[in-house]
Protein backbone atom coordinates (compact mmCIF):
# COMPACT_ATOMS: atom_id res chain seq x y z
CA MET A 1 -99.40 -68.16 24.51
CA VAL A 2 -96.94 -70.86 23.55
CA THR A 3 -97.66 -72.95 20.47
CA LEU A 4 -95.79 -76.24 20.48
CA SER A 5 -94.33 -77.36 17.16
CA GLU A 6 -95.22 -80.64 15.49
CA PRO A 7 -91.69 -82.00 16.17
CA GLN A 8 -92.13 -81.19 19.88
CA LEU A 9 -95.51 -82.93 19.99
CA THR A 10 -94.12 -85.93 18.13
CA PHE A 11 -91.15 -86.15 20.51
CA TYR A 12 -93.52 -86.11 23.48
CA ARG A 13 -95.76 -88.81 22.02
CA GLU A 14 -92.82 -91.07 21.17
CA ASN A 15 -90.63 -90.53 24.25
CA GLY A 16 -93.17 -89.69 26.96
CA TYR A 17 -91.60 -86.39 27.99
CA LEU A 18 -90.77 -82.92 26.65
CA HIS A 19 -88.18 -80.39 27.82
CA LEU A 20 -89.32 -76.79 27.29
CA LYS A 21 -86.66 -74.17 28.01
CA ALA A 22 -87.49 -71.03 29.97
CA SER A 23 -86.74 -68.91 26.89
CA GLU A 24 -89.36 -70.88 24.96
CA HIS A 25 -92.22 -70.09 27.32
CA ASN A 26 -91.33 -66.98 29.40
CA LEU A 27 -94.04 -67.82 31.94
CA VAL A 28 -92.02 -66.88 35.01
CA SER A 29 -88.54 -65.69 35.98
CA PRO A 30 -86.01 -67.70 38.02
CA ALA A 31 -85.98 -64.94 40.65
CA GLU A 32 -89.75 -65.23 41.11
CA LEU A 33 -89.59 -69.01 41.36
CA GLN A 34 -86.86 -68.89 44.00
CA SER A 35 -88.57 -66.16 46.02
CA TRP A 36 -91.92 -67.95 46.04
CA THR A 37 -90.24 -71.23 47.00
CA GLU A 38 -88.53 -69.62 49.97
CA ASP A 39 -91.94 -68.26 51.03
CA VAL A 40 -93.39 -71.78 51.12
CA ARG A 41 -90.34 -73.46 52.63
CA THR A 42 -90.35 -71.12 55.63
CA TRP A 43 -94.06 -71.28 56.40
CA PRO A 44 -94.83 -72.44 59.97
CA LEU A 45 -96.07 -75.94 60.70
CA GLU A 46 -99.86 -75.68 60.76
CA LYS A 47 -102.37 -78.48 60.84
CA GLY A 48 -104.92 -78.96 58.08
CA LYS A 49 -103.27 -76.71 55.49
CA TRP A 50 -100.06 -77.09 53.46
CA MET A 51 -98.24 -80.37 53.97
CA PRO A 52 -94.47 -80.27 54.68
CA TYR A 53 -92.51 -83.53 54.78
CA PHE A 54 -88.98 -84.20 56.03
CA GLU A 55 -86.10 -86.56 55.27
CA ILE A 56 -82.96 -87.85 56.96
CA THR A 57 -79.85 -87.26 54.84
CA PRO A 58 -77.08 -89.89 54.47
CA GLU A 59 -75.18 -87.89 57.12
CA GLY A 60 -78.08 -88.25 59.56
CA LYS A 61 -79.39 -84.68 59.29
CA ARG A 62 -83.15 -84.10 59.40
CA GLN A 63 -84.24 -81.48 56.87
CA MET A 64 -87.31 -80.46 54.91
CA MET A 65 -87.76 -82.58 51.81
CA ARG A 66 -91.06 -81.41 50.32
CA THR A 67 -94.18 -79.28 50.70
CA GLU A 68 -97.47 -80.43 49.15
CA ASN A 69 -100.92 -78.88 48.78
CA PHE A 70 -99.66 -75.30 48.90
CA VAL A 71 -100.93 -73.39 45.85
CA ASP A 72 -104.22 -72.47 47.56
CA TYR A 73 -102.20 -70.48 50.10
CA HIS A 74 -99.83 -68.65 47.72
CA PRO A 75 -101.45 -66.38 45.09
CA GLN A 76 -98.42 -66.15 42.80
CA TRP A 77 -97.85 -69.89 42.69
CA ASN A 78 -101.58 -70.36 42.13
CA GLU A 79 -101.59 -67.95 39.22
CA LEU A 80 -98.71 -69.77 37.53
CA VAL A 81 -99.89 -73.33 38.16
CA CYS A 82 -103.58 -72.76 37.44
CA GLY A 83 -103.13 -70.04 34.85
CA GLU A 84 -104.22 -70.05 31.23
CA ALA A 85 -100.68 -69.95 29.79
CA LEU A 86 -99.50 -73.20 31.39
CA GLY A 87 -102.93 -74.72 30.82
CA SER A 88 -102.62 -74.07 27.10
CA ILE A 89 -99.34 -76.01 26.88
CA LEU A 90 -100.80 -78.88 28.89
CA ALA A 91 -103.86 -79.03 26.63
CA GLN A 92 -101.67 -79.28 23.54
CA LEU A 93 -99.78 -82.22 25.04
CA ALA A 94 -102.82 -83.97 26.48
CA GLY A 95 -105.14 -83.21 23.59
CA GLU A 96 -107.76 -81.95 26.02
CA GLU A 97 -108.32 -79.56 28.92
CA THR A 98 -106.62 -80.36 32.22
CA ILE A 99 -107.20 -79.48 35.87
CA LEU A 100 -104.81 -79.43 38.83
CA PHE A 101 -104.63 -82.75 40.68
CA LYS A 102 -101.57 -82.43 42.92
CA ASP A 103 -98.91 -79.80 43.70
CA LYS A 104 -95.59 -80.21 45.46
CA ILE A 105 -92.15 -78.66 45.74
CA ASN A 106 -89.22 -81.02 46.22
CA TYR A 107 -86.46 -78.93 47.82
CA LYS A 108 -83.52 -81.32 47.38
CA LEU A 109 -81.42 -79.33 49.83
CA PRO A 110 -77.66 -79.98 50.05
CA GLY A 111 -77.19 -83.65 50.93
CA GLY A 112 -80.79 -84.40 49.97
CA ASN A 113 -81.52 -88.01 49.07
CA GLY A 114 -82.29 -89.36 45.64
CA PHE A 115 -85.60 -90.91 44.60
CA HIS A 116 -85.94 -94.58 43.69
CA ALA A 117 -86.85 -95.48 40.11
CA HIS A 118 -90.64 -95.40 39.88
CA VAL A 119 -93.72 -94.29 38.02
CA ASP A 120 -96.19 -91.90 39.63
CA TYR A 121 -99.37 -93.66 38.60
CA HIS A 122 -99.43 -96.13 41.51
CA ALA A 123 -99.63 -93.29 44.04
CA TYR A 124 -102.72 -91.95 42.25
CA SER A 125 -104.57 -95.06 41.06
CA HIS A 126 -106.75 -95.36 44.18
CA ILE A 127 -108.41 -92.07 43.17
CA GLY A 128 -109.45 -93.48 39.79
CA GLU A 129 -108.26 -95.04 36.55
CA ILE A 130 -107.39 -91.70 34.98
CA SER A 131 -104.55 -90.08 33.05
CA HIS A 132 -102.13 -87.53 34.52
CA LEU A 133 -99.65 -85.06 33.12
CA THR A 134 -96.94 -83.42 35.24
CA ALA A 135 -95.20 -80.08 34.71
CA ASN A 136 -91.83 -80.19 36.48
CA VAL A 137 -90.64 -76.59 36.75
CA ALA A 138 -86.96 -76.22 37.67
CA ILE A 139 -86.71 -73.63 40.45
CA ASP A 140 -82.95 -74.01 40.67
CA ASP A 141 -80.68 -75.40 37.97
CA ALA A 142 -80.95 -79.20 37.91
CA THR A 143 -77.60 -80.81 37.08
CA LEU A 144 -75.94 -84.20 37.19
CA ALA A 145 -74.17 -83.19 40.41
CA ASN A 146 -77.29 -82.12 42.28
CA GLY A 147 -79.54 -84.96 41.16
CA CYS A 148 -81.47 -83.95 38.06
CA LEU A 149 -84.25 -86.20 36.85
CA GLU A 150 -83.36 -89.30 34.83
CA VAL A 151 -85.91 -90.95 32.53
CA VAL A 152 -86.27 -93.97 30.28
CA PRO A 153 -87.43 -92.63 26.91
CA GLY A 154 -90.46 -94.51 25.63
CA SER A 155 -91.08 -96.30 28.92
CA HIS A 156 -94.67 -95.03 28.93
CA LYS A 157 -95.24 -97.70 26.27
CA MET A 158 -93.27 -100.48 28.00
CA ALA A 159 -94.26 -103.31 30.34
CA ILE A 160 -92.43 -102.15 33.46
CA GLU A 161 -91.66 -104.56 36.30
CA PHE A 162 -92.43 -103.37 39.85
CA SER A 163 -91.31 -104.53 43.27
CA GLN A 164 -92.84 -102.22 45.92
CA GLY A 165 -95.97 -100.41 44.83
CA GLY A 166 -94.84 -98.04 42.11
CA ARG A 167 -91.14 -98.65 42.74
CA ILE A 168 -89.48 -100.26 39.74
CA SER A 169 -87.72 -103.59 40.22
CA ALA A 170 -83.93 -103.47 40.38
CA GLU A 171 -83.68 -105.97 37.53
CA TRP A 172 -85.78 -103.89 35.13
CA GLU A 173 -84.04 -100.69 36.19
CA GLU A 174 -80.62 -102.16 35.50
CA ARG A 175 -81.57 -103.26 31.97
CA GLN A 176 -82.71 -99.82 30.80
CA ASN A 177 -81.00 -96.91 29.09
CA TRP A 178 -81.49 -94.05 31.54
CA VAL A 179 -81.19 -90.52 30.16
CA SER A 180 -80.36 -87.56 32.41
CA VAL A 181 -82.41 -84.41 31.78
CA PRO A 182 -80.55 -81.36 33.14
CA LEU A 183 -82.73 -78.25 33.45
CA GLY A 184 -81.95 -74.58 33.75
CA SER A 185 -83.92 -72.53 36.27
CA GLY A 186 -87.32 -71.85 34.74
CA ASP A 187 -87.20 -74.79 32.33
CA ILE A 188 -90.18 -77.16 32.37
CA LEU A 189 -90.10 -80.92 31.91
CA PHE A 190 -93.49 -82.40 31.00
CA PHE A 191 -94.14 -86.12 31.49
CA GLY A 192 -96.98 -88.52 32.20
CA SER A 193 -97.65 -90.71 35.21
CA VAL A 194 -96.43 -93.93 33.58
CA LEU A 195 -92.97 -92.69 32.55
CA ALA A 196 -90.11 -94.36 34.45
CA HIS A 197 -87.97 -91.80 36.26
CA ARG A 198 -85.55 -91.47 39.17
CA SER A 199 -82.96 -89.08 40.59
CA GLN A 200 -79.69 -89.21 42.54
CA GLU A 201 -78.79 -87.39 45.75
CA ASN A 202 -77.72 -83.75 45.79
CA LYS A 203 -73.94 -83.81 46.22
CA THR A 204 -73.53 -80.03 46.04
CA GLU A 205 -73.74 -77.20 48.57
CA LYS A 206 -76.80 -75.61 46.93
CA SER A 207 -80.45 -76.63 46.70
CA ARG A 208 -82.02 -78.21 43.63
CA SER A 209 -85.66 -77.30 44.18
CA SER A 210 -88.34 -78.27 41.67
CA LEU A 211 -92.07 -77.75 41.38
CA TYR A 212 -94.09 -80.79 40.35
CA ALA A 213 -97.62 -79.79 39.33
CA THR A 214 -99.63 -82.83 38.29
CA PHE A 215 -102.82 -82.45 36.28
CA ALA A 216 -105.75 -84.74 35.55
CA MET A 217 -108.07 -84.46 32.58
CA LYS A 218 -110.92 -82.08 33.32
CA LYS A 219 -113.46 -84.54 31.92
CA ASP A 220 -112.60 -86.93 34.77
CA GLY A 221 -114.05 -84.60 37.39
CA GLU A 222 -113.19 -81.45 39.33
CA GLY A 223 -113.09 -82.91 42.84
CA LEU A 224 -110.12 -85.22 42.36
CA ARG A 225 -107.51 -83.00 44.02
CA ARG A 226 -109.63 -82.58 47.13
CA LYS A 227 -110.27 -86.34 47.24
CA TYR A 228 -106.56 -87.09 46.83
CA TYR A 229 -105.41 -84.78 49.62
CA GLU A 230 -108.16 -85.84 52.01
CA HIS A 231 -107.01 -89.44 51.58
CA ARG A 232 -103.33 -88.56 51.80
CA ARG A 233 -103.78 -86.48 54.97
CA MET A 234 -105.66 -89.35 56.59
CA MET A 235 -103.31 -92.16 55.50
CA PHE A 236 -99.92 -90.40 55.30
CA PRO A 237 -100.03 -86.98 57.00
CA PRO A 238 -97.04 -84.68 57.49
CA ASP A 239 -94.82 -85.52 60.47
CA HIS A 240 -96.34 -82.82 62.70
CA GLU A 241 -99.89 -84.11 62.11
CA ARG A 242 -99.21 -87.76 62.89
CA ASP A 243 -100.85 -89.52 65.83
CA GLU A 244 -98.25 -91.54 67.74
CA ASN A 245 -100.89 -94.19 68.41
CA ARG A 246 -101.66 -94.80 64.73
CA ASP A 247 -99.92 -97.15 62.31
CA TYR A 248 -99.11 -95.39 59.01
CA THR A 249 -97.48 -98.35 57.29
CA GLN A 250 -100.23 -98.68 54.69
CA GLY A 251 -100.01 -94.98 53.90
CA TRP A 252 -96.26 -95.25 53.44
CA LYS A 253 -96.76 -98.13 51.00
CA GLN A 254 -99.30 -96.04 49.06
CA TYR A 255 -97.40 -92.76 48.99
CA GLY A 256 -93.83 -93.27 50.16
CA PHE A 257 -92.49 -96.09 48.01
CA ALA A 258 -90.03 -93.91 46.07
CA ALA A 259 -89.43 -90.69 48.00
CA PRO A 260 -87.12 -90.43 51.05
CA PHE A 261 -89.78 -89.60 53.65
CA THR A 262 -88.76 -89.84 57.28
CA LYS A 263 -90.03 -92.98 58.97
CA THR A 264 -91.29 -93.23 62.54
CA ASP A 265 -92.17 -96.14 64.79
CA ALA A 266 -95.66 -95.89 63.26
CA ILE A 267 -94.25 -96.90 59.85
CA LYS A 268 -93.05 -100.51 59.74
CA ALA A 269 -92.03 -100.57 56.05
């Protein structure tokens, strides 16, 4: 088990995030992460199970952008994400026991789009006024060239200005000191749902995949993940589950305000 130091805990409390190198936790190898990710990325399109989403690159290419709700269908991912070792680190940061709320892999394939400056909380708030903590596990190296995460240290304590749902206003974004957080494969970046973050497009010829496992506090209830994905599947389903006669604009506003999801005629945003 990993025991975080007092300086690490203090840094997290003051800045709203913590970078833990792979050598500091040894929970999983880069080879395992990349193999498991390829498993998920190549799964077939099935209704009612895992949730793949697509994007259109600046060059006009349609490619897979993300898969959500997948750990129930992959034993190795499930063991890592829901295991005691990661849970122990999360509990030290949160000060209490956590439970999985949401799971996704962002693939950031070559040419993949960036993500607008945002906080995550607004995509979760309809489930309840609760706290969240995300473990961002770098599957591939995350660099400046391929669009690593950028954060505003201490923004979890700031009054952030918003323009579209959880998307941060351009004026507020421009005034801040954004810090890039490069990660090596296997590194973990922990941050809460009110930390301002963004990323740029992947300008390289290799993927920059990352796991984002978001946790709620266990005291807030054990059915939150199911409630979240039932609502998401109804309001903003994957492309292959969408009904051409339904309008998904409200779902896009709830869930798609920062990420580069593909839009259809059923999304007017």
